[in-house]
Amino acid sequence: MEQALIWTEWTMEFNSSVFSPARANYYRCLQTLLLLSQEDTRQPLQYLNAFIKMYGAEAVEAASAALSGEAAFYGLPAVDHDLQAFPAHQSLLKAYDKLQRAKAAYWSK
């Protein structure tokens, strides 16, 4: 968790000028949850209502999911092995396939 906190703070510092307000709020929430997770005497559930008031339910849910490993990257779709979540990538693959078929047809003459 210590490395996660270091990288969260690094991300906040170097990307703050390009983050949307929602993304900045998410990273502030994530930083708070990471700091709290390092303390043995406190339980994050004790502060759930306060966090929801401070950051909003969506940010708290997303940050909690990141901590538990359910959702690794905020705002990015889940990716399968075929990369179906990326339409631009699928278009490039179709264009590449079309090019390969055209090359095969041309060279077979």
PDB file of N, CA and C in Angstrom:
ATOM      1  N   MET A   1       0.816  -1.198   0.000  1.00  0.00           N
ATOM      2  CA  MET A   1       0.000   0.000   0.000  1.00  0.00           C
ATOM      3  C   MET A   1       0.862   1.264   0.000  1.00  0.00           C
ATOM      4  N   GLU A   2       2.056   1.135   0.537  1.00  0.00           N
ATOM      5  CA  GLU A   2       2.936   2.300   0.582  1.00  0.00           C
ATOM      6  C   GLU A   2       3.317   2.744  -0.828  1.00  0.00           C
ATOM      7  N   GLN A   3       3.627   1.783  -1.703  1.00  0.00           N
ATOM      8  CA  GLN A   3       3.961   2.116  -3.091  1.00  0.00           C
ATOM      9  C   GLN A   3       2.760   2.730  -3.801  1.00  0.00           C
ATOM     10  N   ALA A   4       1.576   2.204  -3.526  1.00  0.00           N
ATOM     11  CA  ALA A   4       0.364   2.756  -4.139  1.00  0.00           C
ATOM     12  C   ALA A   4       0.178   4.211  -3.725  1.00  0.00           C
ATOM     13  N   LEU A   5       0.435   4.499  -2.474  1.00  0.00           N
ATOM     14  CA  LEU A   5       0.317   5.875  -1.989  1.00  0.00           C
ATOM     15  C   LEU A   5       1.346   6.780  -2.669  1.00  0.00           C
ATOM     16  N   ILE A   6       2.563   6.303  -2.792  1.00  0.00           N
ATOM     17  CA  ILE A   6       3.609   7.093  -3.455  1.00  0.00           C
ATOM     18  C   ILE A   6       3.207   7.415  -4.893  1.00  0.00           C
ATOM     19  N   TRP A   7       2.711   6.409  -5.621  1.00  0.00           N
ATOM     20  CA  TRP A   7       2.336   6.630  -7.018  1.00  0.00           C
ATOM     21  C   TRP A   7       1.076   7.471  -7.139  1.00  0.00           C
ATOM     22  N   THR A   8       0.176   7.349  -6.198  1.00  0.00           N
ATOM     23  CA  THR A   8      -1.020   8.195  -6.206  1.00  0.00           C
ATOM     24  C   THR A   8      -0.627   9.652  -6.024  1.00  0.00           C
ATOM     25  N   GLU A   9       0.246   9.910  -5.065  1.00  0.00           N
ATOM     26  CA  GLU A   9       0.695  11.284  -4.831  1.00  0.00           C
ATOM     27  C   GLU A   9       1.488  11.817  -6.019  1.00  0.00           C
ATOM     28  N   TRP A  10       2.307  10.974  -6.631  1.00  0.00           N
ATOM     29  CA  TRP A  10       3.056  11.376  -7.821  1.00  0.00           C
ATOM     30  C   TRP A  10       2.093  11.747  -8.943  1.00  0.00           C
ATOM     31  N   THR A  11       1.088  10.898  -9.147  1.00  0.00           N
ATOM     32  CA  THR A  11       0.099  11.145 -10.200  1.00  0.00           C
ATOM     33  C   THR A  11      -0.637  12.450  -9.956  1.00  0.00           C
ATOM     34  N   MET A  12      -1.027  12.687  -8.718  1.00  0.00           N
ATOM     35  CA  MET A  12      -1.728  13.926  -8.386  1.00  0.00           C
ATOM     36  C   MET A  12      -0.843  15.144  -8.642  1.00  0.00           C
ATOM     37  N   GLU A  13       0.407  15.042  -8.283  1.00  0.00           N
ATOM     38  CA  GLU A  13       1.319  16.175  -8.422  1.00  0.00           C
ATOM     39  C   GLU A  13       1.612  16.502  -9.884  1.00  0.00           C
ATOM     40  N   PHE A  14       1.881  15.492 -10.685  1.00  0.00           N
ATOM     41  CA  PHE A  14       2.312  15.740 -12.055  1.00  0.00           C
ATOM     42  C   PHE A  14       1.172  15.856 -13.061  1.00  0.00           C
ATOM     43  N   ASN A  15      -0.030  15.498 -12.668  1.00  0.00           N
ATOM     44  CA  ASN A  15      -1.144  15.554 -13.608  1.00  0.00           C
ATOM     45  C   ASN A  15      -2.267  16.475 -13.163  1.00  0.00           C
ATOM     46  N   SER A  16      -2.063  17.207 -12.100  1.00  0.00           N
ATOM     47  CA  SER A  16      -3.144  18.028 -11.553  1.00  0.00           C
ATOM     48  C   SER A  16      -3.667  19.052 -12.556  1.00  0.00           C
ATOM     49  N   SER A  17      -2.826  19.544 -13.438  1.00  0.00           N
ATOM     50  CA  SER A  17      -3.266  20.563 -14.395  1.00  0.00           C
ATOM     51  C   SER A  17      -4.143  19.992 -15.509  1.00  0.00           C
ATOM     52  N   VAL A  18      -4.102  18.693 -15.714  1.00  0.00           N
ATOM     53  CA  VAL A  18      -4.893  18.095 -16.794  1.00  0.00           C
ATOM     54  C   VAL A  18      -6.054  17.247 -16.285  1.00  0.00           C
ATOM     55  N   PHE A  19      -6.139  17.054 -14.987  1.00  0.00           N
ATOM     56  CA  PHE A  19      -7.229  16.252 -14.432  1.00  0.00           C
ATOM     57  C   PHE A  19      -8.537  17.029 -14.455  1.00  0.00           C
ATOM     58  N   SER A  20      -9.603  16.327 -14.796  1.00  0.00           N
ATOM     59  CA  SER A  20     -10.936  16.903 -14.647  1.00  0.00           C
ATOM     60  C   SER A  20     -11.231  17.001 -13.152  1.00  0.00           C
ATOM     61  N   PRO A  21     -12.195  17.814 -12.761  1.00  0.00           N
ATOM     62  CA  PRO A  21     -12.546  17.879 -11.336  1.00  0.00           C
ATOM     63  C   PRO A  21     -12.929  16.512 -10.759  1.00  0.00           C
ATOM     64  N   ALA A  22     -13.623  15.693 -11.542  1.00  0.00           N
ATOM     65  CA  ALA A  22     -14.029  14.366 -11.056  1.00  0.00           C
ATOM     66  C   ALA A  22     -12.812  13.472 -10.823  1.00  0.00           C
ATOM     67  N   ARG A  23     -11.855  13.517 -11.735  1.00  0.00           N
ATOM     68  CA  ARG A  23     -10.658  12.680 -11.584  1.00  0.00           C
ATOM     69  C   ARG A  23      -9.796  13.173 -10.421  1.00  0.00           C
ATOM     70  N   ALA A  24      -9.671  14.472 -10.257  1.00  0.00           N
ATOM     71  CA  ALA A  24      -8.910  15.015  -9.125  1.00  0.00           C
ATOM     72  C   ALA A  24      -9.566  14.613  -7.809  1.00  0.00           C
ATOM     73  N   ASN A  25     -10.889  14.654  -7.766  1.00  0.00           N
ATOM     74  CA  ASN A  25     -11.625  14.244  -6.569  1.00  0.00           C
ATOM     75  C   ASN A  25     -11.386  12.767  -6.271  1.00  0.00           C
ATOM     76  N   TYR A  26     -11.406  11.936  -7.310  1.00  0.00           N
ATOM     77  CA  TYR A  26     -11.142  10.506  -7.139  1.00  0.00           C
ATOM     78  C   TYR A  26      -9.756  10.279  -6.526  1.00  0.00           C
ATOM     79  N   TYR A  27      -8.746  10.948  -7.054  1.00  0.00           N
ATOM     80  CA  TYR A  27      -7.387  10.748  -6.542  1.00  0.00           C
ATOM     81  C   TYR A  27      -7.225  11.265  -5.115  1.00  0.00           C
ATOM     82  N   ARG A  28      -7.921  12.357  -4.769  1.00  0.00           N
ATOM     83  CA  ARG A  28      -7.889  12.814  -3.377  1.00  0.00           C
ATOM     84  C   ARG A  28      -8.513  11.768  -2.463  1.00  0.00           C
ATOM     85  N   CYS A  29      -9.623  11.187  -2.906  1.00  0.00           N
ATOM     86  CA  CYS A  29     -10.287  10.133  -2.130  1.00  0.00           C
ATOM     87  C   CYS A  29      -9.385   8.912  -2.008  1.00  0.00           C
ATOM     88  N   LEU A  30      -8.774   8.509  -3.100  1.00  0.00           N
ATOM     89  CA  LEU A  30      -7.874   7.355  -3.083  1.00  0.00           C
ATOM     90  C   LEU A  30      -6.704   7.596  -2.137  1.00  0.00           C
ATOM     91  N   GLN A  31      -6.145   8.791  -2.174  1.00  0.00           N
ATOM     92  CA  GLN A  31      -5.041   9.122  -1.282  1.00  0.00           C
ATOM     93  C   GLN A  31      -5.480   9.020   0.181  1.00  0.00           C
ATOM     94  N   THR A  32      -6.652   9.537   0.490  1.00  0.00           N
ATOM     95  CA  THR A  32      -7.157   9.475   1.865  1.00  0.00           C
ATOM     96  C   THR A  32      -7.359   8.036   2.309  1.00  0.00           C
ATOM     97  N   LEU A  33      -7.945   7.215   1.445  1.00  0.00           N
ATOM     98  CA  LEU A  33      -8.168   5.808   1.794  1.00  0.00           C
ATOM     99  C   LEU A  33      -6.845   5.058   1.955  1.00  0.00           C
ATOM    100  N   LEU A  34      -5.873   5.371   1.123  1.00  0.00           N
ATOM    101  CA  LEU A  34      -4.558   4.729   1.257  1.00  0.00           C
ATOM    102  C   LEU A  34      -3.874   5.132   2.561  1.00  0.00           C
ATOM    103  N   LEU A  35      -3.960   6.400   2.910  1.00  0.00           N
ATOM    104  CA  LEU A  35      -3.388   6.851   4.179  1.00  0.00           C
ATOM    105  C   LEU A  35      -4.067   6.162   5.353  1.00  0.00           C
ATOM    106  N   LEU A  36      -5.386   6.065   5.284  1.00  0.00           N
ATOM    107  CA  LEU A  36      -6.143   5.427   6.362  1.00  0.00           C
ATOM    108  C   LEU A  36      -5.839   3.935   6.456  1.00  0.00           C
ATOM    109  N   SER A  37      -5.600   3.305   5.329  1.00  0.00           N
ATOM    110  CA  SER A  37      -5.319   1.861   5.337  1.00  0.00           C
ATOM    111  C   SER A  37      -3.988   1.538   6.012  1.00  0.00           C
ATOM    112  N   GLN A  38      -3.116   2.527   6.130  1.00  0.00           N
ATOM    113  CA  GLN A  38      -1.819   2.305   6.767  1.00  0.00           C
ATOM    114  C   GLN A  38      -1.879   2.444   8.285  1.00  0.00           C
ATOM    115  N   GLU A  39      -3.003   2.911   8.784  1.00  0.00           N
ATOM    116  CA  GLU A  39      -3.147   3.076  10.229  1.00  0.00           C
ATOM    117  C   GLU A  39      -3.829   1.851  10.820  1.00  0.00           C
ATOM    118  N   ASP A  40      -3.197   1.254  11.807  1.00  0.00           N
ATOM    119  CA  ASP A  40      -3.738   0.041  12.419  1.00  0.00           C
ATOM    120  C   ASP A  40      -4.906   0.319  13.354  1.00  0.00           C
ATOM    121  N   THR A  41      -4.962   1.500  13.923  1.00  0.00           N
ATOM    122  CA  THR A  41      -5.960   1.777  14.955  1.00  0.00           C
ATOM    123  C   THR A  41      -7.302   2.226  14.404  1.00  0.00           C
ATOM    124  N   ARG A  42      -7.359   2.577  13.135  1.00  0.00           N
ATOM    125  CA  ARG A  42      -8.619   3.065  12.555  1.00  0.00           C
ATOM    126  C   ARG A  42      -9.123   2.109  11.483  1.00  0.00           C
ATOM    127  N   GLN A  43     -10.439   2.051  11.364  1.00  0.00           N
ATOM    128  CA  GLN A  43     -11.089   1.231  10.345  1.00  0.00           C
ATOM    129  C   GLN A  43     -11.766   2.148   9.325  1.00  0.00           C
ATOM    130  N   PRO A  44     -11.530   1.941   8.042  1.00  0.00           N
ATOM    131  CA  PRO A  44     -12.130   2.805   7.019  1.00  0.00           C
ATOM    132  C   PRO A  44     -13.655   2.871   7.083  1.00  0.00           C
ATOM    133  N   LEU A  45     -14.302   1.784   7.481  1.00  0.00           N
ATOM    134  CA  LEU A  45     -15.766   1.800   7.544  1.00  0.00           C
ATOM    135  C   LEU A  45     -16.290   2.815   8.548  1.00  0.00           C
ATOM    136  N   GLN A  46     -15.503   3.127   9.559  1.00  0.00           N
ATOM    137  CA  GLN A  46     -15.909   4.140  10.532  1.00  0.00           C
ATOM    138  C   GLN A  46     -16.103   5.498   9.865  1.00  0.00           C
ATOM    139  N   TYR A  47     -15.412   5.734   8.792  1.00  0.00           N
ATOM    140  CA  TYR A  47     -15.398   7.041   8.150  1.00  0.00           C
ATOM    141  C   TYR A  47     -16.185   7.068   6.840  1.00  0.00           C
ATOM    142  N   LEU A  48     -16.874   5.991   6.534  1.00  0.00           N
ATOM    143  CA  LEU A  48     -17.551   5.880   5.241  1.00  0.00           C
ATOM    144  C   LEU A  48     -18.503   7.042   4.986  1.00  0.00           C
ATOM    145  N   ASN A  49     -19.369   7.347   5.938  1.00  0.00           N
ATOM    146  CA  ASN A  49     -20.333   8.438   5.731  1.00  0.00           C
ATOM    147  C   ASN A  49     -19.636   9.780   5.538  1.00  0.00           C
ATOM    148  N   ALA A  50     -18.583  10.019   6.299  1.00  0.00           N
ATOM    149  CA  ALA A  50     -17.835  11.272   6.141  1.00  0.00           C
ATOM    150  C   ALA A  50     -17.172  11.339   4.768  1.00  0.00           C
ATOM    151  N   PHE A  51     -16.621  10.221   4.312  1.00  0.00           N
ATOM    152  CA  PHE A  51     -15.985  10.200   2.997  1.00  0.00           C
ATOM    153  C   PHE A  51     -17.004  10.437   1.886  1.00  0.00           C
ATOM    154  N   ILE A  52     -18.184   9.852   2.034  1.00  0.00           N
ATOM    155  CA  ILE A  52     -19.225  10.052   1.020  1.00  0.00           C
ATOM    156  C   ILE A  52     -19.623  11.522   0.966  1.00  0.00           C
ATOM    157  N   LYS A  53     -19.708  12.172   2.119  1.00  0.00           N
ATOM    158  CA  LYS A  53     -20.032  13.605   2.138  1.00  0.00           C
ATOM    159  C   LYS A  53     -18.902  14.437   1.540  1.00  0.00           C
ATOM    160  N   MET A  54     -17.664  14.041   1.795  1.00  0.00           N
ATOM    161  CA  MET A  54     -16.516  14.808   1.301  1.00  0.00           C
ATOM    162  C   MET A  54     -16.254  14.592  -0.186  1.00  0.00           C
ATOM    163  N   TYR A  55     -16.322  13.344  -0.629  1.00  0.00           N
ATOM    164  CA  TYR A  55     -15.896  13.013  -1.993  1.00  0.00           C
ATOM    165  C   TYR A  55     -17.030  12.580  -2.915  1.00  0.00           C
ATOM    166  N   GLY A  56     -18.159  12.187  -2.352  1.00  0.00           N
ATOM    167  CA  GLY A  56     -19.259  11.666  -3.150  1.00  0.00           C
ATOM    168  C   GLY A  56     -19.204  10.152  -3.210  1.00  0.00           C
ATOM    169  N   ALA A  57     -20.371   9.538  -3.333  1.00  0.00           N
ATOM    170  CA  ALA A  57     -20.466   8.075  -3.309  1.00  0.00           C
ATOM    171  C   ALA A  57     -19.707   7.429  -4.461  1.00  0.00           C
ATOM    172  N   GLU A  58     -19.771   8.038  -5.650  1.00  0.00           N
ATOM    173  CA  GLU A  58     -19.108   7.443  -6.823  1.00  0.00           C
ATOM    174  C   GLU A  58     -17.593   7.376  -6.633  1.00  0.00           C
ATOM    175  N   ALA A  59     -17.003   8.456  -6.138  1.00  0.00           N
ATOM    176  CA  ALA A  59     -15.551   8.480  -5.929  1.00  0.00           C
ATOM    177  C   ALA A  59     -15.139   7.492  -4.847  1.00  0.00           C
ATOM    178  N   VAL A  60     -15.919   7.412  -3.775  1.00  0.00           N
ATOM    179  CA  VAL A  60     -15.598   6.479  -2.690  1.00  0.00           C
ATOM    180  C   VAL A  60     -15.700   5.040  -3.185  1.00  0.00           C
ATOM    181  N   GLU A  61     -16.736   4.751  -3.971  1.00  0.00           N
ATOM    182  CA  GLU A  61     -16.891   3.399  -4.537  1.00  0.00           C
ATOM    183  C   GLU A  61     -15.719   3.054  -5.445  1.00  0.00           C
ATOM    184  N   ALA A  62     -15.359   3.986  -6.320  1.00  0.00           N
ATOM    185  CA  ALA A  62     -14.271   3.737  -7.272  1.00  0.00           C
ATOM    186  C   ALA A  62     -12.934   3.569  -6.551  1.00  0.00           C
ATOM    187  N   ALA A  63     -12.668   4.402  -5.566  1.00  0.00           N
ATOM    188  CA  ALA A  63     -11.406   4.300  -4.825  1.00  0.00           C
ATOM    189  C   ALA A  63     -11.362   3.013  -4.008  1.00  0.00           C
ATOM    190  N   SER A  64     -12.484   2.636  -3.427  1.00  0.00           N
ATOM    191  CA  SER A  64     -12.543   1.378  -2.668  1.00  0.00           C
ATOM    192  C   SER A  64     -12.323   0.184  -3.582  1.00  0.00           C
ATOM    193  N   ALA A  65     -12.894   0.249  -4.787  1.00  0.00           N
ATOM    194  CA  ALA A  65     -12.701  -0.832  -5.761  1.00  0.00           C
ATOM    195  C   ALA A  65     -11.240  -0.917  -6.187  1.00  0.00           C
ATOM    196  N   ALA A  66     -10.580   0.213  -6.310  1.00  0.00           N
ATOM    197  CA  ALA A  66      -9.154   0.209  -6.661  1.00  0.00           C
ATOM    198  C   ALA A  66      -8.332  -0.415  -5.541  1.00  0.00           C
ATOM    199  N   LEU A  67      -8.657  -0.082  -4.303  1.00  0.00           N
ATOM    200  CA  LEU A  67      -7.920  -0.643  -3.166  1.00  0.00           C
ATOM    201  C   LEU A  67      -8.098  -2.147  -3.046  1.00  0.00           C
ATOM    202  N   SER A  68      -9.299  -2.617  -3.345  1.00  0.00           N
ATOM    203  CA  SER A  68      -9.561  -4.051  -3.210  1.00  0.00           C
ATOM    204  C   SER A  68      -9.104  -4.845  -4.430  1.00  0.00           C
ATOM    205  N   GLY A  69      -8.732  -4.146  -5.502  1.00  0.00           N
ATOM    206  CA  GLY A  69      -8.272  -4.822  -6.708  1.00  0.00           C
ATOM    207  C   GLY A  69      -9.382  -5.156  -7.681  1.00  0.00           C
ATOM    208  N   GLU A  70     -10.596  -4.712  -7.404  1.00  0.00           N
ATOM    209  CA  GLU A  70     -11.728  -4.992  -8.299  1.00  0.00           C
ATOM    210  C   GLU A  70     -11.639  -4.189  -9.591  1.00  0.00           C
ATOM    211  N   ALA A  71     -11.193  -2.952  -9.495  1.00  0.00           N
ATOM    212  CA  ALA A  71     -11.084  -2.077 -10.665  1.00  0.00           C
ATOM    213  C   ALA A  71      -9.733  -1.377 -10.597  1.00  0.00           C
ATOM    214  N   ALA A  72      -8.844  -1.768 -11.452  1.00  0.00           N
ATOM    215  CA  ALA A  72      -7.475  -1.252 -11.363  1.00  0.00           C
ATOM    216  C   ALA A  72      -7.339   0.200 -11.807  1.00  0.00           C
ATOM    217  N   PHE A  73      -8.074   0.616 -12.819  1.00  0.00           N
ATOM    218  CA  PHE A  73      -7.883   1.950 -13.377  1.00  0.00           C
ATOM    219  C   PHE A  73      -9.201   2.699 -13.430  1.00  0.00           C
ATOM    220  N   TYR A  74      -9.225   3.868 -12.836  1.00  0.00           N
ATOM    221  CA  TYR A  74     -10.432   4.687 -12.750  1.00  0.00           C
ATOM    222  C   TYR A  74     -10.837   5.198 -14.125  1.00  0.00           C
ATOM    223  N   GLY A  75     -12.081   4.939 -14.485  1.00  0.00           N
ATOM    224  CA  GLY A  75     -12.627   5.474 -15.718  1.00  0.00           C
ATOM    225  C   GLY A  75     -12.244   4.736 -16.980  1.00  0.00           C
ATOM    226  N   LEU A  76     -11.521   3.644 -16.867  1.00  0.00           N
ATOM    227  CA  LEU A  76     -11.140   2.882 -18.055  1.00  0.00           C
ATOM    228  C   LEU A  76     -11.939   1.588 -18.105  1.00  0.00           C
ATOM    229  N   PRO A  77     -12.364   1.187 -19.299  1.00  0.00           N
ATOM    230  CA  PRO A  77     -13.153  -0.044 -19.404  1.00  0.00           C
ATOM    231  C   PRO A  77     -12.302  -1.287 -19.148  1.00  0.00           C
ATOM    232  N   ALA A  78     -12.971  -2.335 -18.739  1.00  0.00           N
ATOM    233  CA  ALA A  78     -12.287  -3.619 -18.575  1.00  0.00           C
ATOM    234  C   ALA A  78     -11.871  -4.122 -19.957  1.00  0.00           C
ATOM    235  N   VAL A  79     -10.745  -4.780 -20.020  1.00  0.00           N
ATOM    236  CA  VAL A  79     -10.197  -5.220 -21.301  1.00  0.00           C
ATOM    237  C   VAL A  79     -10.123  -6.740 -21.323  1.00  0.00           C
ATOM    238  N   ASP A  80     -10.588  -7.314 -22.437  1.00  0.00           N
ATOM    239  CA  ASP A  80     -10.450  -8.757 -22.618  1.00  0.00           C
ATOM    240  C   ASP A  80      -9.267  -9.009 -23.556  1.00  0.00           C
ATOM    241  N   HIS A  81      -9.002 -10.256 -23.841  1.00  0.00           N
ATOM    242  CA  HIS A  81      -7.844 -10.594 -24.679  1.00  0.00           C
ATOM    243  C   HIS A  81      -8.014 -10.154 -26.130  1.00  0.00           C
ATOM    244  N   ASP A  82      -9.264  -9.978 -26.574  1.00  0.00           N
ATOM    245  CA  ASP A  82      -9.512  -9.558 -27.951  1.00  0.00           C
ATOM    246  C   ASP A  82      -9.612  -8.045 -28.098  1.00  0.00           C
ATOM    247  N   LEU A  83      -9.490  -7.319 -27.000  1.00  0.00           N
ATOM    248  CA  LEU A  83      -9.567  -5.853 -26.978  1.00  0.00           C
ATOM    249  C   LEU A  83     -10.865  -5.332 -27.590  1.00  0.00           C
ATOM    250  N   GLN A  84     -11.970  -6.009 -27.319  1.00  0.00           N
ATOM    251  CA  GLN A  84     -13.265  -5.615 -27.853  1.00  0.00           C
ATOM    252  C   GLN A  84     -13.738  -4.269 -27.304  1.00  0.00           C
ATOM    253  N   ALA A  85     -13.214  -3.833 -26.176  1.00  0.00           N
ATOM    254  CA  ALA A  85     -13.638  -2.572 -25.562  1.00  0.00           C
ATOM    255  C   ALA A  85     -13.084  -1.351 -26.295  1.00  0.00           C
ATOM    256  N   PHE A  86     -12.220  -1.567 -27.276  1.00  0.00           N
ATOM    257  CA  PHE A  86     -11.586  -0.458 -27.983  1.00  0.00           C
ATOM    258  C   PHE A  86     -11.984  -0.472 -29.456  1.00  0.00           C
ATOM    259  N   PRO A  87     -13.034   0.272 -29.828  1.00  0.00           N
ATOM    260  CA  PRO A  87     -13.503   0.261 -31.218  1.00  0.00           C
ATOM    261  C   PRO A  87     -12.443   0.726 -32.219  1.00  0.00           C
ATOM    262  N   ALA A  88     -11.640   1.702 -31.850  1.00  0.00           N
ATOM    263  CA  ALA A  88     -10.605   2.174 -32.788  1.00  0.00           C
ATOM    264  C   ALA A  88      -9.605   1.059 -33.079  1.00  0.00           C
ATOM    265  N   HIS A  89      -9.260   0.304 -32.069  1.00  0.00           N
ATOM    266  CA  HIS A  89      -8.336  -0.812 -32.256  1.00  0.00           C
ATOM    267  C   HIS A  89      -8.965  -1.869 -33.167  1.00  0.00           C
ATOM    268  N   GLN A  90     -10.242  -2.135 -32.966  1.00  0.00           N
ATOM    269  CA  GLN A  90     -10.932  -3.115 -33.805  1.00  0.00           C
ATOM    270  C   GLN A  90     -10.962  -2.655 -35.262  1.00  0.00           C
ATOM    271  N   SER A  91     -11.168  -1.352 -35.480  1.00  0.00           N
ATOM    272  CA  SER A  91     -11.155  -0.811 -36.848  1.00  0.00           C
ATOM    273  C   SER A  91      -9.789  -0.982 -37.495  1.00  0.00           C
ATOM    274  N   LEU A  92      -8.735  -0.734 -36.728  1.00  0.00           N
ATOM    275  CA  LEU A  92      -7.384  -0.923 -37.259  1.00  0.00           C
ATOM    276  C   LEU A  92      -7.118  -2.385 -37.601  1.00  0.00           C
ATOM    277  N   LEU A  93      -7.591  -3.295 -36.760  1.00  0.00           N
ATOM    278  CA  LEU A  93      -7.415  -4.720 -37.051  1.00  0.00           C
ATOM    279  C   LEU A  93      -8.153  -5.124 -38.317  1.00  0.00           C
ATOM    280  N   LYS A  94      -9.360  -4.585 -38.518  1.00  0.00           N
ATOM    281  CA  LYS A  94     -10.121  -4.889 -39.733  1.00  0.00           C
ATOM    282  C   LYS A  94      -9.407  -4.336 -40.970  1.00  0.00           C
ATOM    283  N   ALA A  95      -8.878  -3.120 -40.859  1.00  0.00           N
ATOM    284  CA  ALA A  95      -8.141  -2.529 -41.983  1.00  0.00           C
ATOM    285  C   ALA A  95      -6.889  -3.345 -42.290  1.00  0.00           C
ATOM    286  N   TYR A  96      -6.193  -3.794 -41.259  1.00  0.00           N
ATOM    287  CA  TYR A  96      -4.994  -4.613 -41.448  1.00  0.00           C
ATOM    288  C   TYR A  96      -5.357  -5.930 -42.130  1.00  0.00           C
ATOM    289  N   ASP A  97      -6.450  -6.542 -41.692  1.00  0.00           N
ATOM    290  CA  ASP A  97      -6.902  -7.798 -42.293  1.00  0.00           C
ATOM    291  C   ASP A  97      -7.253  -7.590 -43.768  1.00  0.00           C
ATOM    292  N   LYS A  98      -7.918  -6.488 -44.061  1.00  0.00           N
ATOM    293  CA  LYS A  98      -8.283  -6.176 -45.446  1.00  0.00           C
ATOM    294  C   LYS A  98      -7.023  -5.987 -46.300  1.00  0.00           C
ATOM    295  N   LEU A  99      -6.033  -5.299 -45.753  1.00  0.00           N
ATOM    296  CA  LEU A  99      -4.768  -5.099 -46.458  1.00  0.00           C
ATOM    297  C   LEU A  99      -4.077  -6.431 -46.722  1.00  0.00           C
ATOM    298  N   GLN A 100      -4.055  -7.315 -45.752  1.00  0.00           N
ATOM    299  CA  GLN A 100      -3.401  -8.611 -45.915  1.00  0.00           C
ATOM    300  C   GLN A 100      -4.108  -9.454 -46.976  1.00  0.00           C
ATOM    301  N   ARG A 101      -5.447  -9.384 -47.007  1.00  0.00           N
ATOM    302  CA  ARG A 101      -6.193 -10.118 -48.042  1.00  0.00           C
ATOM    303  C   ARG A 101      -5.880  -9.556 -49.427  1.00  0.00           C
ATOM    304  N   ALA A 102      -5.794  -8.229 -49.540  1.00  0.00           N
ATOM    305  CA  ALA A 102      -5.478  -7.599 -50.829  1.00  0.00           C
ATOM    306  C   ALA A 102      -4.065  -7.968 -51.274  1.00  0.00           C
ATOM    307  N   LYS A 103      -3.129  -7.973 -50.346  1.00  0.00           N
ATOM    308  CA  LYS A 103      -1.756  -8.362 -50.679  1.00  0.00           C
ATOM    309  C   LYS A 103      -1.704  -9.816 -51.137  1.00  0.00           C
ATOM    310  N   ALA A 104      -2.409 -10.681 -50.449  1.00  0.00           N
ATOM    311  CA  ALA A 104      -2.415 -12.101 -50.812  1.00  0.00           C
ATOM    312  C   ALA A 104      -3.028 -12.294 -52.195  1.00  0.00           C
ATOM    313  N   ALA A 105      -4.105 -11.562 -52.482  1.00  0.00           N
ATOM    314  CA  ALA A 105      -4.747 -11.670 -53.792  1.00  0.00           C
ATOM    315  C   ALA A 105      -3.824 -11.134 -54.888  1.00  0.00           C
ATOM    316  N   TYR A 106      -3.127 -10.045 -54.631  1.00  0.00           N
ATOM    317  CA  TYR A 106      -2.231  -9.456 -55.622  1.00  0.00           C
ATOM    318  C   TYR A 106      -1.043 -10.370 -55.899  1.00  0.00           C
ATOM    319  N   TRP A 107      -0.426 -10.906 -54.865  1.00  0.00           N
ATOM    320  CA  TRP A 107       0.771 -11.719 -55.039  1.00  0.00           C
ATOM    321  C   TRP A 107       0.474 -13.130 -55.530  1.00  0.00           C
ATOM    322  N   SER A 108      -0.769 -13.540 -55.457  1.00  0.00           N
ATOM    323  CA  SER A 108      -1.099 -14.890 -55.935  1.00  0.00           C
ATOM    324  C   SER A 108      -1.320 -14.915 -57.444  1.00  0.00           C
ATOM    325  N   LYS A 109      -1.354 -13.757 -58.098  1.00  0.00           N
ATOM    326  CA  LYS A 109      -1.579 -13.695 -59.553  1.00  0.00           C
ATOM    327  C   LYS A 109      -0.344 -14.052 -60.322  1.00  0.00           C
TER     328      LYS A 109
END
